[in-house]
């Protein structure tokens, strides 16, 4: 029979090293989604700036609507002309006055 003289049994050290390496690799792979972190922060800041700009424009538009309605009258309709002026209409649809706000 053949002797197993040079056989080295697996010891605690070798299995511990393999387990530790497996845990490290699993940890690295499970956190790889964080690699895109700076890009996500930049996108979130840009989105917040865009939302703030939309709020500011909505407030400006609401103020313009209120001023135009006050200028034309409570029951009158109005239209914003391309040159920035406001055309007022009576309740019957007749044009009354054109003014700049």
Protein backbone atom coordinates (compact mmCIF):
# COMPACT_ATOMS: atom_id res chain seq x y z
CA UNK A 1 0.00 0.00 0.00
CA UNK A 2 0.89 3.51 -0.59
CA UNK A 3 1.72 5.68 2.37
CA UNK A 4 0.32 9.16 2.77
CA UNK A 5 3.43 10.70 4.13
CA UNK A 6 3.14 14.14 2.56
CA UNK A 7 -0.55 14.58 3.14
CA UNK A 8 -1.33 17.86 4.95
CA UNK A 9 -4.82 17.89 6.44
CA UNK A 10 -6.84 21.06 6.24
CA UNK A 11 -6.55 22.82 9.48
CA UNK A 12 -8.45 25.55 11.22
CA UNK A 13 -6.21 28.24 9.76
CA UNK A 14 -6.96 27.42 6.13
CA UNK A 15 -10.74 27.16 6.53
CA UNK A 16 -10.78 30.39 8.57
CA UNK A 17 -8.91 32.20 5.80
CA UNK A 18 -11.33 30.96 3.14
CA UNK A 19 -14.32 31.97 5.24
CA UNK A 20 -12.83 35.40 5.92
CA UNK A 21 -12.13 35.96 2.21
CA UNK A 22 -15.67 34.90 1.32
CA UNK A 23 -17.09 37.37 3.84
CA UNK A 24 -14.89 40.19 2.53
CA UNK A 25 -15.89 39.51 -1.08
CA UNK A 26 -19.57 39.34 -0.13
CA UNK A 27 -19.22 42.64 1.75
CA UNK A 28 -17.57 44.38 -1.18
CA UNK A 29 -20.18 43.10 -3.61
CA UNK A 30 -23.07 44.03 -1.33
CA UNK A 31 -21.86 47.64 -1.06
CA UNK A 32 -20.99 48.13 -4.72
CA UNK A 33 -24.22 50.08 -5.28
CA UNK A 34 -22.68 52.90 -3.24
CA UNK A 35 -20.07 53.54 -5.92
CA UNK A 36 -22.49 55.84 -7.78
CA UNK A 37 -22.97 58.02 -4.69
CA UNK A 38 -21.45 61.32 -5.94
CA UNK A 39 -23.54 61.24 -9.10
CA UNK A 40 -26.73 60.68 -7.15
CA UNK A 41 -25.96 63.61 -4.84
CA UNK A 42 -25.35 65.89 -7.84
CA UNK A 43 -28.61 64.77 -9.42
CA UNK A 44 -30.54 65.34 -6.19
CA UNK A 45 -29.12 68.87 -5.86
CA UNK A 46 -30.00 69.65 -9.47
CA UNK A 47 -33.52 68.32 -8.90
CA UNK A 48 -33.92 70.47 -5.77
CA UNK A 49 -32.73 73.57 -7.65
CA UNK A 50 -35.16 72.85 -10.46
CA UNK A 51 -38.04 72.41 -8.00
CA UNK A 52 -37.16 75.71 -6.33
CA UNK A 53 -37.11 77.45 -9.72
CA UNK A 54 -40.55 75.96 -10.53
CA UNK A 55 -41.95 77.23 -7.22
CA UNK A 56 -40.55 80.71 -7.88
CA UNK A 57 -42.05 80.80 -11.38
CA UNK A 58 -45.41 79.54 -10.08
CA UNK A 59 -45.45 82.29 -7.44
CA UNK A 60 -44.60 84.89 -10.09
CA UNK A 61 -47.36 83.61 -12.38
CA UNK A 62 -49.90 83.63 -9.53
CA UNK A 63 -48.97 87.24 -8.74
CA UNK A 64 -49.36 88.20 -12.43
CA UNK A 65 -52.79 86.53 -12.56
CA UNK A 66 -53.91 88.35 -9.40
CA UNK A 67 -52.67 91.72 -10.71
CA UNK A 68 -54.32 91.20 -14.11
CA UNK A 69 -57.63 90.19 -12.54
CA UNK A 70 -57.52 93.19 -10.22
CA UNK A 71 -56.76 95.53 -13.14
CA UNK A 72 -59.49 94.13 -15.42
CA UNK A 73 -62.15 93.73 -12.77
CA UNK A 74 -63.69 90.93 -10.76
CA UNK A 75 -65.99 89.51 -13.47
CA UNK A 76 -63.78 90.28 -16.46
CA UNK A 77 -61.64 87.89 -18.44
CA UNK A 78 -58.12 88.71 -19.51
CA UNK A 79 -55.47 87.47 -21.91
CA UNK A 80 -51.70 87.86 -21.83
CA UNK A 81 -50.50 89.18 -25.19
CA UNK A 82 -47.14 88.18 -26.73
CA UNK A 83 -45.69 91.65 -26.10
CA UNK A 84 -46.29 91.31 -22.34
CA UNK A 85 -49.44 93.42 -22.18
CA UNK A 86 -52.78 92.31 -20.74
CA UNK A 87 -55.93 92.48 -22.86
CA UNK A 88 -59.12 92.75 -20.81
CA UNK A 89 -62.50 91.44 -22.00
CA UNK A 90 -66.01 92.05 -20.75
CA UNK A 91 -68.23 89.19 -19.72
CA UNK A 92 -69.67 89.29 -23.25
CA UNK A 93 -66.26 88.86 -24.86
CA UNK A 94 -65.71 92.45 -26.04
CA UNK A 95 -62.22 93.92 -25.71
CA UNK A 96 -62.02 96.77 -23.25
CA UNK A 97 -58.50 97.86 -22.41
CA UNK A 98 -54.91 96.87 -23.01
CA UNK A 99 -52.39 97.63 -20.29
CA UNK A 100 -48.89 96.74 -19.36
CA UNK A 101 -48.40 95.19 -15.91
